[in-house]
Amino acid sequence: MKLKRLGSMMVIVAVAGMVGCTDMTPQQQGTLSGAAIGAAGGAGIAAISGGNAWTGAAIGGVAGGVAGNIRGGRR
């Protein structure tokens, strides 16, 4: 059941990320996509390892957002 909920959450985040990127600068797009990918990855790793998926998503989202912001600003 946990993996099914996690999959649904990842789909919602991916769709929201694609819809919201139309009028953004490259740095903003990098931040948003990095945060979405980081949150999905963090939640997945936490769920697989037996940890709290929400904590993993929060940590992954922050780390991904920072990395995406840095990468997006360098284009």
C-alpha atoms as a PDB file:
ATOM      1  CA  MET A   1       0.000   0.000   0.000  1.00  0.00           C
ATOM      2  CA  LYS A   2       2.843   2.399   0.787  1.00  0.00           C
ATOM      3  CA  LEU A   3       4.373   2.031  -2.670  1.00  0.00           C
ATOM      4  CA  LYS A   4       1.017   2.621  -4.368  1.00  0.00           C
ATOM      5  CA  ARG A   5       0.557   5.894  -2.453  1.00  0.00           C
ATOM      6  CA  LEU A   6       4.132   6.871  -3.212  1.00  0.00           C
ATOM      7  CA  GLY A   7       3.598   6.245  -6.928  1.00  0.00           C
ATOM      8  CA  SER A   8       0.467   8.400  -6.928  1.00  0.00           C
ATOM      9  CA  MET A   9       2.320  11.191  -5.144  1.00  0.00           C
ATOM     10  CA  MET A  10       5.156  11.058  -7.678  1.00  0.00           C
ATOM     11  CA  VAL A  11       2.720  11.317 -10.610  1.00  0.00           C
ATOM     12  CA  ILE A  12       0.986  14.342  -9.071  1.00  0.00           C
ATOM     13  CA  VAL A  13       4.310  16.087  -8.470  1.00  0.00           C
ATOM     14  CA  ALA A  14       5.489  15.382 -12.020  1.00  0.00           C
ATOM     15  CA  VAL A  15       2.292  16.688 -13.633  1.00  0.00           C
ATOM     16  CA  ALA A  16       2.255  19.804 -11.450  1.00  0.00           C
ATOM     17  CA  GLY A  17       5.887  20.458 -12.326  1.00  0.00           C
ATOM     18  CA  MET A  18       5.266  20.211 -16.057  1.00  0.00           C
ATOM     19  CA  VAL A  19       2.211  22.472 -16.013  1.00  0.00           C
ATOM     20  CA  GLY A  20       3.824  25.190 -13.915  1.00  0.00           C
ATOM     21  CA  CYS A  21       6.979  25.698 -16.024  1.00  0.00           C
ATOM     22  CA  THR A  22       5.590  27.731 -18.922  1.00  0.00           C
ATOM     23  CA  ASP A  23       6.394  31.310 -17.846  1.00  0.00           C
ATOM     24  CA  MET A  24       9.512  30.741 -15.752  1.00  0.00           C
ATOM     25  CA  THR A  25      13.138  31.696 -16.107  1.00  0.00           C
ATOM     26  CA  PRO A  26      15.649  28.868 -16.566  1.00  0.00           C
ATOM     27  CA  GLN A  27      16.755  29.279 -12.951  1.00  0.00           C
ATOM     28  CA  GLN A  28      13.180  28.992 -11.673  1.00  0.00           C
ATOM     29  CA  GLN A  29      12.585  25.941 -13.869  1.00  0.00           C
ATOM     30  CA  GLY A  30      15.751  24.337 -12.552  1.00  0.00           C
ATOM     31  CA  THR A  31      14.712  24.988  -8.969  1.00  0.00           C
ATOM     32  CA  LEU A  32      11.234  23.539  -9.465  1.00  0.00           C
ATOM     33  CA  SER A  33      12.304  20.475 -11.399  1.00  0.00           C
ATOM     34  CA  GLY A  34      15.229  19.833  -9.052  1.00  0.00           C
ATOM     35  CA  ALA A  35      12.921  20.040  -6.047  1.00  0.00           C
ATOM     36  CA  ALA A  36      10.374  17.701  -7.649  1.00  0.00           C
ATOM     37  CA  ILE A  37      12.980  15.141  -8.645  1.00  0.00           C
ATOM     38  CA  GLY A  38      14.686  15.398  -5.250  1.00  0.00           C
ATOM     39  CA  ALA A  39      11.401  14.986  -3.380  1.00  0.00           C
ATOM     40  CA  ALA A  40      10.415  11.948  -5.417  1.00  0.00           C
ATOM     41  CA  GLY A  41      13.850  10.404  -5.039  1.00  0.00           C
ATOM     42  CA  GLY A  42      14.034  11.151  -1.327  1.00  0.00           C
ATOM     43  CA  ALA A  43      10.581   9.707  -0.698  1.00  0.00           C
ATOM     44  CA  GLY A  44      11.413   6.601  -2.704  1.00  0.00           C
ATOM     45  CA  ILE A  45      14.691   5.974  -0.946  1.00  0.00           C
ATOM     46  CA  ALA A  46      13.132   6.548   2.476  1.00  0.00           C
ATOM     47  CA  ALA A  47      10.221   4.218   1.704  1.00  0.00           C
ATOM     48  CA  ILE A  48      12.513   1.471   0.442  1.00  0.00           C
ATOM     49  CA  SER A  49      14.864   1.764   3.405  1.00  0.00           C
ATOM     50  CA  GLY A  50      12.005   1.704   5.917  1.00  0.00           C
ATOM     51  CA  GLY A  51      12.155   5.364   6.905  1.00  0.00           C
ATOM     52  CA  ASN A  52       9.525   8.075   6.822  1.00  0.00           C
ATOM     53  CA  ALA A  53       8.685   8.916   3.193  1.00  0.00           C
ATOM     54  CA  TRP A  54       7.573  12.463   4.062  1.00  0.00           C
ATOM     55  CA  THR A  55      10.860  13.226   5.786  1.00  0.00           C
ATOM     56  CA  GLY A  56      12.753  11.811   2.823  1.00  0.00           C
ATOM     57  CA  ALA A  57      10.665  13.904   0.438  1.00  0.00           C
ATOM     58  CA  ALA A  58      11.302  17.067   2.439  1.00  0.00           C
ATOM     59  CA  ILE A  59      15.050  16.538   2.631  1.00  0.00           C
ATOM     60  CA  GLY A  60      15.270  15.465  -1.021  1.00  0.00           C
ATOM     61  CA  GLY A  61      13.131  18.391  -2.137  1.00  0.00           C
ATOM     62  CA  VAL A  62      15.324  20.947  -0.393  1.00  0.00           C
ATOM     63  CA  ALA A  63      18.540  19.384  -1.670  1.00  0.00           C
ATOM     64  CA  GLY A  64      17.146  19.039  -5.197  1.00  0.00           C
ATOM     65  CA  GLY A  65      15.818  22.591  -5.187  1.00  0.00           C
ATOM     66  CA  VAL A  66      19.192  24.004  -4.200  1.00  0.00           C
ATOM     67  CA  ALA A  67      21.019  21.922  -6.809  1.00  0.00           C
ATOM     68  CA  GLY A  68      18.450  22.812  -9.479  1.00  0.00           C
ATOM     69  CA  ASN A  69      18.698  26.491  -8.646  1.00  0.00           C
ATOM     70  CA  ILE A  70      22.461  26.442  -9.013  1.00  0.00           C
ATOM     71  CA  ARG A  71      22.316  24.433 -12.233  1.00  0.00           C
ATOM     72  CA  GLY A  72      19.455  26.460 -13.721  1.00  0.00           C
ATOM     73  CA  GLY A  73      21.280  29.740 -13.122  1.00  0.00           C
ATOM     74  CA  ARG A  74      24.335  28.580 -15.085  1.00  0.00           C
ATOM     75  CA  ARG A  75      22.578  28.196 -18.465  1.00  0.00           C
END
